[in-house]
Amino acid sequence: MIGSLKGTILDKQAPGLLLECHGVGYEVETPMSTFLELPPVGSEVGLLTHLVVREDNHTLYGFTTAAEKQLFRSLLKVSGVGAKMALAVLSAMSAADFQRCIEYEDSATLTKIPGVGKKTAERLIIEMRDRLSVLSSPSTAAGGKVTVPAGARQEASDALIALGYRPAEVNKLIGTLDTNGKSAEEIIRSALKQVAG
């Protein structure tokens, strides 16, 4: 099993990339959350990976954080959820946002994800409840990027969602901010300034 890769980006075509590691080029598929954080072609990057082996295909999936990789693996264990749907979930929302949807049984938000209908959303809620502990701890990206403390980020995300922003929009707003060590209030203020500016 290939658990991680570090190398030079030779090509990027959403949602994947070609990563050269010691003369070998690996084709890696990523969720959009990871793809949008990738540096330009020619840069070095480290990714956590998961290899899916099928009879007719071997596909390598890459992630910037351990939380994304764990969520991807957990989603694959849900009946009727394949790698394509797992990528769609991770592209639509962060691991923390997904966890909140499960905790609050928010099937309406889950059905906004492409390919997720009402029955699938309900199945996700039922089957993922027991696996939430895996996703609950904040983690550090493969490249050493420090994530914001879960409490402050979660509080800020909840507040922005209450203001009417969609989870994907909230993730995009907060994801572009320097949130290290900031309180929830400071994160919300910065996110709203970004919208206004």
N, C-alpha and C. Protein backbone atom coordinates (compact mmCIF):
# COMPACT_ATOMS: atom_id res chain seq x y z
N MET A 1 0.86 -1.20 0.00
CA MET A 1 0.00 0.00 0.00
C MET A 1 0.89 1.24 0.00
N ILE A 2 0.57 2.20 -0.85
CA ILE A 2 1.31 3.46 -0.90
C ILE A 2 0.61 4.44 0.03
N GLY A 3 1.26 4.81 1.13
CA GLY A 3 0.63 5.66 2.15
C GLY A 3 0.84 7.14 1.95
N SER A 4 1.93 7.53 1.28
CA SER A 4 2.18 8.95 1.02
C SER A 4 3.18 9.08 -0.12
N LEU A 5 3.17 10.24 -0.75
CA LEU A 5 4.10 10.54 -1.83
C LEU A 5 4.62 11.96 -1.67
N LYS A 6 5.89 12.15 -2.00
CA LYS A 6 6.45 13.51 -2.01
C LYS A 6 7.26 13.63 -3.29
N GLY A 7 6.93 14.63 -4.08
CA GLY A 7 7.62 14.78 -5.35
C GLY A 7 7.28 16.08 -6.04
N THR A 8 7.57 16.13 -7.33
CA THR A 8 7.37 17.34 -8.14
C THR A 8 6.13 17.19 -9.01
N ILE A 9 5.32 18.23 -9.03
CA ILE A 9 4.12 18.22 -9.87
C ILE A 9 4.52 18.44 -11.32
N LEU A 10 4.24 17.44 -12.17
CA LEU A 10 4.54 17.56 -13.60
C LEU A 10 3.37 18.12 -14.38
N ASP A 11 2.15 17.83 -13.91
CA ASP A 11 0.95 18.28 -14.62
C ASP A 11 -0.23 18.31 -13.65
N LYS A 12 -1.14 19.24 -13.86
CA LYS A 12 -2.36 19.33 -13.07
C LYS A 12 -3.55 19.47 -14.01
N GLN A 13 -4.49 18.55 -13.91
CA GLN A 13 -5.75 18.61 -14.65
C GLN A 13 -6.84 18.22 -13.66
N ALA A 14 -7.66 19.16 -13.23
CA ALA A 14 -8.67 18.89 -12.20
C ALA A 14 -9.49 17.67 -12.58
N PRO A 15 -9.68 16.73 -11.67
CA PRO A 15 -9.31 16.77 -10.25
C PRO A 15 -8.04 15.99 -9.92
N GLY A 16 -7.10 15.85 -10.86
CA GLY A 16 -5.93 15.04 -10.59
C GLY A 16 -4.63 15.72 -10.96
N LEU A 17 -3.54 15.00 -10.68
CA LEU A 17 -2.23 15.53 -11.00
C LEU A 17 -1.28 14.39 -11.31
N LEU A 18 -0.16 14.73 -11.96
CA LEU A 18 0.90 13.78 -12.23
C LEU A 18 2.06 14.20 -11.35
N LEU A 19 2.45 13.31 -10.41
CA LEU A 19 3.47 13.61 -9.42
C LEU A 19 4.69 12.73 -9.65
N GLU A 20 5.84 13.36 -9.92
CA GLU A 20 7.07 12.59 -10.15
C GLU A 20 7.83 12.41 -8.85
N CYS A 21 8.06 11.14 -8.49
CA CYS A 21 8.82 10.81 -7.29
C CYS A 21 10.00 9.93 -7.69
N HIS A 22 11.20 10.46 -7.65
CA HIS A 22 12.43 9.71 -8.00
C HIS A 22 12.33 9.04 -9.37
N GLY A 23 11.87 9.81 -10.35
CA GLY A 23 11.82 9.32 -11.72
C GLY A 23 10.58 8.55 -12.11
N VAL A 24 9.68 8.32 -11.15
CA VAL A 24 8.43 7.61 -11.44
C VAL A 24 7.27 8.61 -11.36
N GLY A 25 6.42 8.65 -12.40
CA GLY A 25 5.28 9.55 -12.41
C GLY A 25 4.02 8.85 -11.92
N TYR A 26 3.44 9.36 -10.84
CA TYR A 26 2.22 8.77 -10.29
C TYR A 26 1.02 9.64 -10.66
N GLU A 27 -0.01 9.02 -11.23
CA GLU A 27 -1.26 9.74 -11.47
C GLU A 27 -2.08 9.66 -10.19
N VAL A 28 -2.45 10.82 -9.65
CA VAL A 28 -3.15 10.88 -8.37
C VAL A 28 -4.43 11.68 -8.53
N GLU A 29 -5.54 11.11 -8.11
CA GLU A 29 -6.81 11.84 -8.11
C GLU A 29 -7.00 12.47 -6.74
N THR A 30 -7.59 13.66 -6.70
CA THR A 30 -7.76 14.38 -5.44
C THR A 30 -9.16 14.98 -5.35
N PRO A 31 -9.64 15.23 -4.12
CA PRO A 31 -10.86 16.03 -3.99
C PRO A 31 -10.50 17.48 -4.35
N MET A 32 -11.49 18.28 -4.70
CA MET A 32 -11.22 19.67 -5.09
C MET A 32 -10.60 20.47 -3.94
N SER A 33 -10.92 20.11 -2.69
CA SER A 33 -10.33 20.82 -1.54
C SER A 33 -8.81 20.68 -1.57
N THR A 34 -8.31 19.52 -1.94
CA THR A 34 -6.86 19.30 -2.05
C THR A 34 -6.32 19.94 -3.32
N PHE A 35 -7.03 19.75 -4.44
CA PHE A 35 -6.56 20.26 -5.73
C PHE A 35 -6.35 21.78 -5.70
N LEU A 36 -7.28 22.50 -5.07
CA LEU A 36 -7.19 23.97 -5.02
C LEU A 36 -6.04 24.46 -4.15
N GLU A 37 -5.53 23.60 -3.27
CA GLU A 37 -4.40 23.98 -2.42
C GLU A 37 -3.05 23.62 -3.03
N LEU A 38 -3.05 22.91 -4.15
CA LEU A 38 -1.80 22.48 -4.76
C LEU A 38 -1.00 23.67 -5.27
N PRO A 39 0.34 23.64 -5.10
CA PRO A 39 1.17 24.70 -5.67
C PRO A 39 1.25 24.54 -7.19
N PRO A 40 1.88 25.50 -7.88
CA PRO A 40 1.95 25.43 -9.35
C PRO A 40 2.76 24.23 -9.86
N VAL A 41 2.57 23.91 -11.14
CA VAL A 41 3.35 22.86 -11.81
C VAL A 41 4.83 23.17 -11.64
N GLY A 42 5.62 22.14 -11.35
CA GLY A 42 7.05 22.33 -11.12
C GLY A 42 7.42 22.43 -9.66
N SER A 43 6.41 22.61 -8.79
CA SER A 43 6.66 22.71 -7.35
C SER A 43 6.67 21.33 -6.71
N GLU A 44 7.31 21.27 -5.54
CA GLU A 44 7.31 20.01 -4.79
C GLU A 44 6.13 20.01 -3.82
N VAL A 45 5.53 18.83 -3.65
CA VAL A 45 4.37 18.71 -2.76
C VAL A 45 4.38 17.34 -2.10
N GLY A 46 3.84 17.27 -0.90
CA GLY A 46 3.67 16.00 -0.20
C GLY A 46 2.19 15.71 -0.03
N LEU A 47 1.78 14.49 -0.33
CA LEU A 47 0.38 14.10 -0.21
C LEU A 47 0.26 12.78 0.55
N LEU A 48 -0.76 12.68 1.38
CA LEU A 48 -1.13 11.40 1.98
C LEU A 48 -1.96 10.67 0.93
N THR A 49 -1.78 9.37 0.78
CA THR A 49 -2.46 8.67 -0.31
C THR A 49 -3.20 7.42 0.15
N HIS A 50 -4.15 7.03 -0.70
CA HIS A 50 -4.89 5.78 -0.50
C HIS A 50 -5.02 5.12 -1.87
N LEU A 51 -4.63 3.86 -1.95
CA LEU A 51 -4.69 3.12 -3.21
C LEU A 51 -5.94 2.24 -3.24
N VAL A 52 -6.76 2.43 -4.25
CA VAL A 52 -7.96 1.60 -4.44
C VAL A 52 -7.66 0.62 -5.57
N VAL A 53 -7.74 -0.67 -5.25
CA VAL A 53 -7.43 -1.72 -6.23
C VAL A 53 -8.73 -2.40 -6.67
N ARG A 54 -8.96 -2.36 -7.97
CA ARG A 54 -10.10 -3.05 -8.55
C ARG A 54 -9.57 -4.05 -9.58
N GLU A 55 -10.44 -4.92 -10.05
CA GLU A 55 -10.03 -5.93 -11.04
C GLU A 55 -9.39 -5.30 -12.27
N ASP A 56 -9.99 -4.22 -12.75
CA ASP A 56 -9.54 -3.62 -14.00
C ASP A 56 -8.79 -2.29 -13.82
N ASN A 57 -8.56 -1.88 -12.56
CA ASN A 57 -7.99 -0.55 -12.36
C ASN A 57 -7.36 -0.40 -10.97
N HIS A 58 -6.24 0.29 -10.92
CA HIS A 58 -5.62 0.68 -9.66
C HIS A 58 -5.59 2.21 -9.65
N THR A 59 -6.24 2.84 -8.68
CA THR A 59 -6.31 4.29 -8.64
C THR A 59 -5.75 4.80 -7.32
N LEU A 60 -4.88 5.81 -7.43
CA LEU A 60 -4.26 6.41 -6.26
C LEU A 60 -4.96 7.73 -5.96
N TYR A 61 -5.40 7.92 -4.71
CA TYR A 61 -6.07 9.15 -4.29
C TYR A 61 -5.18 9.90 -3.31
N GLY A 62 -5.10 11.22 -3.48
CA GLY A 62 -4.21 12.03 -2.64
C GLY A 62 -4.95 13.08 -1.82
N PHE A 63 -4.41 13.36 -0.62
CA PHE A 63 -5.06 14.29 0.32
C PHE A 63 -4.00 15.12 1.03
N THR A 64 -4.35 16.35 1.39
CA THR A 64 -3.40 17.20 2.10
C THR A 64 -3.44 16.98 3.61
N THR A 65 -4.55 16.46 4.14
CA THR A 65 -4.64 16.26 5.59
C THR A 65 -5.01 14.82 5.93
N ALA A 66 -4.62 14.41 7.12
CA ALA A 66 -4.97 13.07 7.60
C ALA A 66 -6.48 12.95 7.80
N ALA A 67 -7.15 14.05 8.18
CA ALA A 67 -8.61 14.02 8.39
C ALA A 67 -9.33 13.71 7.08
N GLU A 68 -8.87 14.30 5.97
CA GLU A 68 -9.48 14.02 4.66
C GLU A 68 -9.29 12.55 4.28
N LYS A 69 -8.08 12.05 4.49
CA LYS A 69 -7.79 10.65 4.14
C LYS A 69 -8.64 9.70 4.99
N GLN A 70 -8.75 9.98 6.28
CA GLN A 70 -9.55 9.13 7.16
C GLN A 70 -11.03 9.16 6.77
N LEU A 71 -11.53 10.35 6.44
CA LEU A 71 -12.93 10.46 6.03
C LEU A 71 -13.16 9.69 4.73
N PHE A 72 -12.25 9.82 3.77
CA PHE A 72 -12.34 9.09 2.50
C PHE A 72 -12.42 7.58 2.76
N ARG A 73 -11.53 7.07 3.61
CA ARG A 73 -11.52 5.64 3.91
C ARG A 73 -12.80 5.20 4.61
N SER A 74 -13.30 6.04 5.51
CA SER A 74 -14.54 5.72 6.23
C SER A 74 -15.72 5.70 5.28
N LEU A 75 -15.76 6.65 4.34
CA LEU A 75 -16.86 6.72 3.37
C LEU A 75 -16.88 5.49 2.47
N LEU A 76 -15.71 4.97 2.12
CA LEU A 76 -15.65 3.78 1.25
C LEU A 76 -16.28 2.57 1.92
N LYS A 77 -16.36 2.56 3.24
CA LYS A 77 -16.94 1.43 3.97
C LYS A 77 -18.46 1.50 4.04
N VAL A 78 -19.03 2.65 3.63
CA VAL A 78 -20.48 2.81 3.66
C VAL A 78 -21.08 2.12 2.44
N SER A 79 -22.12 1.34 2.66
CA SER A 79 -22.79 0.62 1.59
C SER A 79 -23.27 1.57 0.50
N GLY A 80 -22.89 1.30 -0.75
CA GLY A 80 -23.34 2.11 -1.88
C GLY A 80 -22.50 3.34 -2.15
N VAL A 81 -21.44 3.56 -1.37
CA VAL A 81 -20.57 4.72 -1.60
C VAL A 81 -19.24 4.25 -2.17
N GLY A 82 -18.92 4.76 -3.34
CA GLY A 82 -17.66 4.42 -3.98
C GLY A 82 -16.69 5.59 -3.90
N ALA A 83 -15.54 5.43 -4.54
CA ALA A 83 -14.51 6.45 -4.50
C ALA A 83 -14.99 7.77 -5.12
N LYS A 84 -15.78 7.69 -6.20
CA LYS A 84 -16.26 8.89 -6.87
C LYS A 84 -17.15 9.72 -5.94
N MET A 85 -18.06 9.05 -5.22
CA MET A 85 -18.93 9.77 -4.30
C MET A 85 -18.15 10.30 -3.09
N ALA A 86 -17.19 9.51 -2.62
CA ALA A 86 -16.36 9.96 -1.49
C ALA A 86 -15.60 11.23 -1.86
N LEU A 87 -15.08 11.28 -3.09
CA LEU A 87 -14.39 12.50 -3.57
C LEU A 87 -15.36 13.67 -3.66
N ALA A 88 -16.59 13.39 -4.11
CA ALA A 88 -17.61 14.46 -4.21
C ALA A 88 -17.90 15.05 -2.84
N VAL A 89 -17.99 14.20 -1.82
CA VAL A 89 -18.25 14.66 -0.44
C VAL A 89 -17.11 15.57 0.01
N LEU A 90 -15.87 15.11 -0.18
CA LEU A 90 -14.71 15.90 0.25
C LEU A 90 -14.52 17.17 -0.58
N SER A 91 -15.00 17.17 -1.81
CA SER A 91 -14.92 18.37 -2.65
C SER A 91 -15.96 19.40 -2.23
N ALA A 92 -17.08 18.93 -1.68
CA ALA A 92 -18.18 19.83 -1.32
C ALA A 92 -18.03 20.44 0.07
N MET A 93 -17.35 19.73 0.98
CA MET A 93 -17.25 20.23 2.36
C MET A 93 -16.02 19.67 3.06
N SER A 94 -15.61 20.35 4.11
CA SER A 94 -14.47 19.89 4.89
C SER A 94 -14.89 18.70 5.75
N ALA A 95 -13.92 18.00 6.30
CA ALA A 95 -14.20 16.87 7.20
C ALA A 95 -15.01 17.35 8.41
N ALA A 96 -14.67 18.55 8.91
CA ALA A 96 -15.40 19.10 10.08
C ALA A 96 -16.85 19.40 9.72
N ASP A 97 -17.09 19.96 8.52
CA ASP A 97 -18.47 20.26 8.09
C ASP A 97 -19.27 18.97 7.92
N PHE A 98 -18.62 17.95 7.35
CA PHE A 98 -19.29 16.66 7.18
C PHE A 98 -19.66 16.08 8.54
N GLN A 99 -18.74 16.18 9.48
CA GLN A 99 -18.99 15.66 10.83
C GLN A 99 -20.20 16.35 11.46
N ARG A 100 -20.29 17.66 11.27
CA ARG A 100 -21.45 18.40 11.81
C ARG A 100 -22.75 17.93 11.16
N CYS A 101 -22.72 17.68 9.85
CA CYS A 101 -23.92 17.18 9.16
C CYS A 101 -24.37 15.85 9.75
N ILE A 102 -23.42 14.99 10.06
CA ILE A 102 -23.76 13.69 10.65
C ILE A 102 -24.30 13.87 12.07
N GLU A 103 -23.61 14.69 12.87
CA GLU A 103 -24.02 14.92 14.25
C GLU A 103 -25.43 15.49 14.34
N TYR A 104 -25.73 16.46 13.45
CA TYR A 104 -27.03 17.13 13.49
C TYR A 104 -28.06 16.47 12.57
N GLU A 105 -27.67 15.33 11.97
CA GLU A 105 -28.55 14.60 11.05
C GLU A 105 -29.10 15.53 9.96
N ASP A 106 -28.20 16.32 9.38
CA ASP A 106 -28.55 17.32 8.38
C ASP A 106 -28.52 16.70 6.98
N SER A 107 -29.55 15.92 6.65
CA SER A 107 -29.59 15.26 5.34
C SER A 107 -29.81 16.27 4.22
N ALA A 108 -30.46 17.41 4.52
CA ALA A 108 -30.71 18.43 3.50
C ALA A 108 -29.41 18.96 2.91
N THR A 109 -28.42 19.22 3.77
CA THR A 109 -27.12 19.71 3.29
C THR A 109 -26.41 18.62 2.50
N LEU A 110 -26.48 17.39 2.97
CA LEU A 110 -25.80 16.28 2.29
C LEU A 110 -26.37 16.04 0.90
N THR A 111 -27.68 16.26 0.72
CA THR A 111 -28.29 16.02 -0.60
C THR A 111 -27.87 17.07 -1.63
N LYS A 112 -27.22 18.16 -1.19
CA LYS A 112 -26.71 19.17 -2.13
C LYS A 112 -25.42 18.73 -2.80
N ILE A 113 -24.83 17.65 -2.27
CA ILE A 113 -23.60 17.11 -2.86
C ILE A 113 -23.98 16.35 -4.13
N PRO A 114 -23.31 16.61 -5.25
CA PRO A 114 -23.63 15.89 -6.50
C PRO A 114 -23.56 14.38 -6.31
N GLY A 115 -24.64 13.68 -6.73
CA GLY A 115 -24.67 12.23 -6.63
C GLY A 115 -25.24 11.68 -5.33
N VAL A 116 -25.51 12.57 -4.36
CA VAL A 116 -26.06 12.11 -3.08
C VAL A 116 -27.55 12.45 -3.02
N GLY A 117 -28.37 11.40 -3.07
CA GLY A 117 -29.81 11.57 -2.95
C GLY A 117 -30.25 11.45 -1.50
N LYS A 118 -31.55 11.52 -1.28
CA LYS A 118 -32.09 11.48 0.09
C LYS A 118 -31.75 10.16 0.79
N LYS A 119 -31.93 9.04 0.09
CA LYS A 119 -31.65 7.73 0.70
C LYS A 119 -30.18 7.57 1.05
N THR A 120 -29.31 8.03 0.15
CA THR A 120 -27.87 7.93 0.40
C THR A 120 -27.48 8.82 1.58
N ALA A 121 -28.06 10.02 1.64
CA ALA A 121 -27.77 10.93 2.76
C ALA A 121 -28.17 10.29 4.09
N GLU A 122 -29.34 9.67 4.12
CA GLU A 122 -29.80 9.00 5.35
C GLU A 122 -28.89 7.83 5.71
N ARG A 123 -28.44 7.08 4.69
CA ARG A 123 -27.53 5.96 4.94
C ARG A 123 -26.20 6.46 5.50
N LEU A 124 -25.71 7.58 4.93
CA LEU A 124 -24.46 8.17 5.43
C LEU A 124 -24.58 8.54 6.90
N ILE A 125 -25.69 9.18 7.26
CA ILE A 125 -25.91 9.61 8.65
C ILE A 125 -25.93 8.39 9.58
N ILE A 126 -26.65 7.36 9.20
CA ILE A 126 -26.76 6.16 10.05
C ILE A 126 -25.42 5.44 10.18
N GLU A 127 -24.75 5.21 9.04
CA GLU A 127 -23.53 4.40 9.06
C GLU A 127 -22.29 5.16 9.54
N MET A 128 -22.29 6.50 9.40
CA MET A 128 -21.10 7.27 9.78
C MET A 128 -21.11 7.70 11.25
N ARG A 129 -22.26 7.60 11.92
CA ARG A 129 -22.34 8.01 13.33
C ARG A 129 -21.26 7.37 14.19
N ASP A 130 -21.08 6.05 14.01
CA ASP A 130 -20.12 5.31 14.82
C ASP A 130 -18.67 5.60 14.46
N ARG A 131 -18.46 6.20 13.31
CA ARG A 131 -17.08 6.43 12.85
C ARG A 131 -16.62 7.86 13.09
N LEU A 132 -17.44 8.69 13.72
CA LEU A 132 -17.12 10.11 13.90
C LEU A 132 -15.87 10.35 14.72
N SER A 133 -15.57 9.49 15.69
CA SER A 133 -14.41 9.70 16.55
C SER A 133 -13.12 9.74 15.74
N VAL A 134 -13.10 9.03 14.62
CA VAL A 134 -11.91 9.02 13.75
C VAL A 134 -11.65 10.41 13.18
N LEU A 135 -12.73 11.15 12.93
CA LEU A 135 -12.61 12.45 12.27
C LEU A 135 -12.50 13.61 13.25
N SER A 136 -12.67 13.37 14.55
CA SER A 136 -12.83 14.47 15.49
C SER A 136 -11.57 15.22 15.84
N SER A 137 -10.39 14.61 15.68
CA SER A 137 -9.18 15.32 16.09
C SER A 137 -8.60 16.13 14.95
N PRO A 138 -8.21 17.40 15.23
CA PRO A 138 -7.61 18.23 14.19
C PRO A 138 -6.25 17.65 13.80
N SER A 139 -5.88 17.80 12.55
CA SER A 139 -4.61 17.21 12.12
C SER A 139 -3.79 18.20 11.30
N THR A 140 -2.56 17.80 11.06
CA THR A 140 -1.63 18.64 10.31
C THR A 140 -1.49 18.10 8.90
N ALA A 141 -1.41 18.97 7.94
CA ALA A 141 -1.29 18.57 6.55
C ALA A 141 0.05 17.89 6.30
N ALA A 142 0.13 17.13 5.21
CA ALA A 142 1.36 16.43 4.86
C ALA A 142 2.50 17.40 4.64
N GLY A 143 2.19 18.58 4.15
CA GLY A 143 3.22 19.57 3.89
C GLY A 143 3.59 20.38 5.11
N GLY A 144 3.03 20.09 6.28
CA GLY A 144 3.39 20.79 7.50
C GLY A 144 2.49 21.98 7.80
N LYS A 145 1.44 22.18 7.07
CA LYS A 145 0.52 23.30 7.31
C LYS A 145 -0.26 23.05 8.59
N VAL A 146 -0.27 24.03 9.47
CA VAL A 146 -0.98 23.87 10.74
C VAL A 146 -2.42 24.29 10.56
N THR A 147 -3.36 23.47 11.02
CA THR A 147 -4.77 23.80 10.89
C THR A 147 -5.24 24.55 12.12
N VAL A 148 -6.32 25.30 11.97
CA VAL A 148 -6.88 26.07 13.07
C VAL A 148 -7.48 25.11 14.11
N PRO A 149 -7.42 25.47 15.41
CA PRO A 149 -8.02 24.59 16.41
C PRO A 149 -9.47 24.29 16.06
N ALA A 150 -9.87 23.03 16.23
CA ALA A 150 -11.21 22.58 15.82
C ALA A 150 -12.32 23.42 16.44
N GLY A 151 -12.18 23.78 17.71
CA GLY A 151 -13.23 24.53 18.41
C GLY A 151 -13.51 25.87 17.76
N ALA A 152 -12.46 26.66 17.50
CA ALA A 152 -12.62 27.99 16.91
C ALA A 152 -13.16 27.89 15.49
N ARG A 153 -12.62 26.96 14.71
CA ARG A 153 -13.08 26.80 13.32
C ARG A 153 -14.53 26.35 13.29
N GLN A 154 -14.86 25.40 14.14
CA GLN A 154 -16.23 24.87 14.17
C GLN A 154 -17.21 25.97 14.56
N GLU A 155 -16.84 26.73 15.58
CA GLU A 155 -17.73 27.81 16.04
C GLU A 155 -17.94 28.85 14.94
N ALA A 156 -16.84 29.22 14.27
CA ALA A 156 -16.93 30.20 13.18
C ALA A 156 -17.76 29.66 12.03
N SER A 157 -17.55 28.38 11.67
CA SER A 157 -18.30 27.75 10.59
C SER A 157 -19.80 27.73 10.90
N ASP A 158 -20.13 27.30 12.13
CA ASP A 158 -21.54 27.25 12.55
C ASP A 158 -22.20 28.62 12.46
N ALA A 159 -21.47 29.65 12.89
CA ALA A 159 -22.02 31.00 12.87
C ALA A 159 -22.27 31.47 11.43
N LEU A 160 -21.32 31.21 10.54
CA LEU A 160 -21.49 31.62 9.14
C LEU A 160 -22.61 30.86 8.46
N ILE A 161 -22.76 29.57 8.79
CA ILE A 161 -23.87 28.78 8.24
C ILE A 161 -25.19 29.34 8.74
N ALA A 162 -25.22 29.75 10.02
CA ALA A 162 -26.43 30.35 10.59
C ALA A 162 -26.78 31.67 9.90
N LEU A 163 -25.75 32.34 9.36
CA LEU A 163 -25.97 33.60 8.63
C LEU A 163 -26.46 33.36 7.20
N GLY A 164 -26.51 32.08 6.80
CA GLY A 164 -27.06 31.76 5.48
C GLY A 164 -26.05 31.29 4.45
N TYR A 165 -24.76 31.19 4.82
CA TYR A 165 -23.75 30.70 3.88
C TYR A 165 -23.82 29.18 3.82
N ARG A 166 -23.57 28.62 2.62
CA ARG A 166 -23.55 27.17 2.46
C ARG A 166 -22.24 26.61 3.01
N PRO A 167 -22.24 25.34 3.47
CA PRO A 167 -21.01 24.75 4.01
C PRO A 167 -19.81 24.87 3.07
N ALA A 168 -20.02 24.65 1.78
CA ALA A 168 -18.92 24.74 0.82
C ALA A 168 -18.36 26.16 0.74
N GLU A 169 -19.26 27.17 0.80
CA GLU A 169 -18.83 28.57 0.78
C GLU A 169 -18.04 28.90 2.04
N VAL A 170 -18.53 28.41 3.18
CA VAL A 170 -17.87 28.65 4.46
C VAL A 170 -16.48 28.04 4.44
N ASN A 171 -16.37 26.82 3.94
CA ASN A 171 -15.07 26.16 3.87
C ASN A 171 -14.10 26.95 2.99
N LYS A 172 -14.61 27.47 1.88
CA LYS A 172 -13.77 28.26 0.97
C LYS A 172 -13.32 29.56 1.63
N LEU A 173 -14.27 30.24 2.32
CA LEU A 173 -13.95 31.50 3.00
C LEU A 173 -12.90 31.30 4.08
N ILE A 174 -13.12 30.31 4.94
CA ILE A 174 -12.21 30.09 6.06
C ILE A 174 -10.90 29.49 5.59
N GLY A 175 -10.99 28.66 4.55
CA GLY A 175 -9.79 28.00 4.04
C GLY A 175 -8.75 28.95 3.49
N THR A 176 -9.15 30.13 3.04
CA THR A 176 -8.20 31.09 2.46
C THR A 176 -7.63 32.05 3.49
N LEU A 177 -8.08 31.96 4.73
CA LEU A 177 -7.63 32.87 5.78
C LEU A 177 -6.47 32.29 6.57
N ASP A 178 -5.66 33.20 7.14
CA ASP A 178 -4.63 32.78 8.10
C ASP A 178 -5.33 32.74 9.46
N THR A 179 -5.77 31.54 9.86
CA THR A 179 -6.59 31.40 11.07
C THR A 179 -5.82 30.87 12.27
N ASN A 180 -4.52 30.65 12.12
CA ASN A 180 -3.73 30.07 13.22
C ASN A 180 -3.80 30.93 14.47
N GLY A 181 -4.27 30.32 15.56
CA GLY A 181 -4.30 30.99 16.85
C GLY A 181 -5.41 32.01 17.02
N LYS A 182 -6.27 32.16 16.03
CA LYS A 182 -7.34 33.16 16.12
C LYS A 182 -8.58 32.59 16.81
N SER A 183 -9.35 33.49 17.42
CA SER A 183 -10.61 33.08 18.05
C SER A 183 -11.68 32.98 16.97
N ALA A 184 -12.81 32.38 17.33
CA ALA A 184 -13.92 32.24 16.38
C ALA A 184 -14.38 33.62 15.90
N GLU A 185 -14.46 34.59 16.81
CA GLU A 185 -14.89 35.95 16.43
C GLU A 185 -13.97 36.56 15.40
N GLU A 186 -12.66 36.40 15.60
CA GLU A 186 -11.69 36.96 14.65
C GLU A 186 -11.80 36.29 13.29
N ILE A 187 -12.04 34.98 13.30
CA ILE A 187 -12.18 34.23 12.03
C ILE A 187 -13.42 34.72 11.29
N ILE A 188 -14.54 34.88 12.02
CA ILE A 188 -15.79 35.35 11.40
C ILE A 188 -15.60 36.74 10.82
N ARG A 189 -14.98 37.63 11.61
CA ARG A 189 -14.74 39.00 11.15
C ARG A 189 -13.92 39.01 9.86
N SER A 190 -12.84 38.23 9.85
CA SER A 190 -11.97 38.16 8.66
C SER A 190 -12.71 37.62 7.45
N ALA A 191 -13.54 36.58 7.68
CA ALA A 191 -14.30 35.97 6.57
C ALA A 191 -15.30 36.96 5.99
N LEU A 192 -15.99 37.69 6.85
CA LEU A 192 -16.98 38.67 6.39
C LEU A 192 -16.33 39.85 5.69
N LYS A 193 -15.14 40.27 6.15
CA LYS A 193 -14.38 41.34 5.48
C LYS A 193 -14.02 40.90 4.07
N GLN A 194 -13.66 39.63 3.93
CA GLN A 194 -13.29 39.08 2.64
C GLN A 194 -14.48 39.13 1.67
N VAL A 195 -15.67 38.82 2.17
CA VAL A 195 -16.88 38.87 1.34
C VAL A 195 -17.17 40.31 0.94
N ALA A 196 -17.07 41.23 1.89
CA ALA A 196 -17.36 42.64 1.63
C ALA A 196 -16.33 43.27 0.72
N GLY A 197 -15.07 42.84 0.88
CA GLY A 197 -13.98 43.44 0.12
C GLY A 197 -13.97 42.95 -1.30
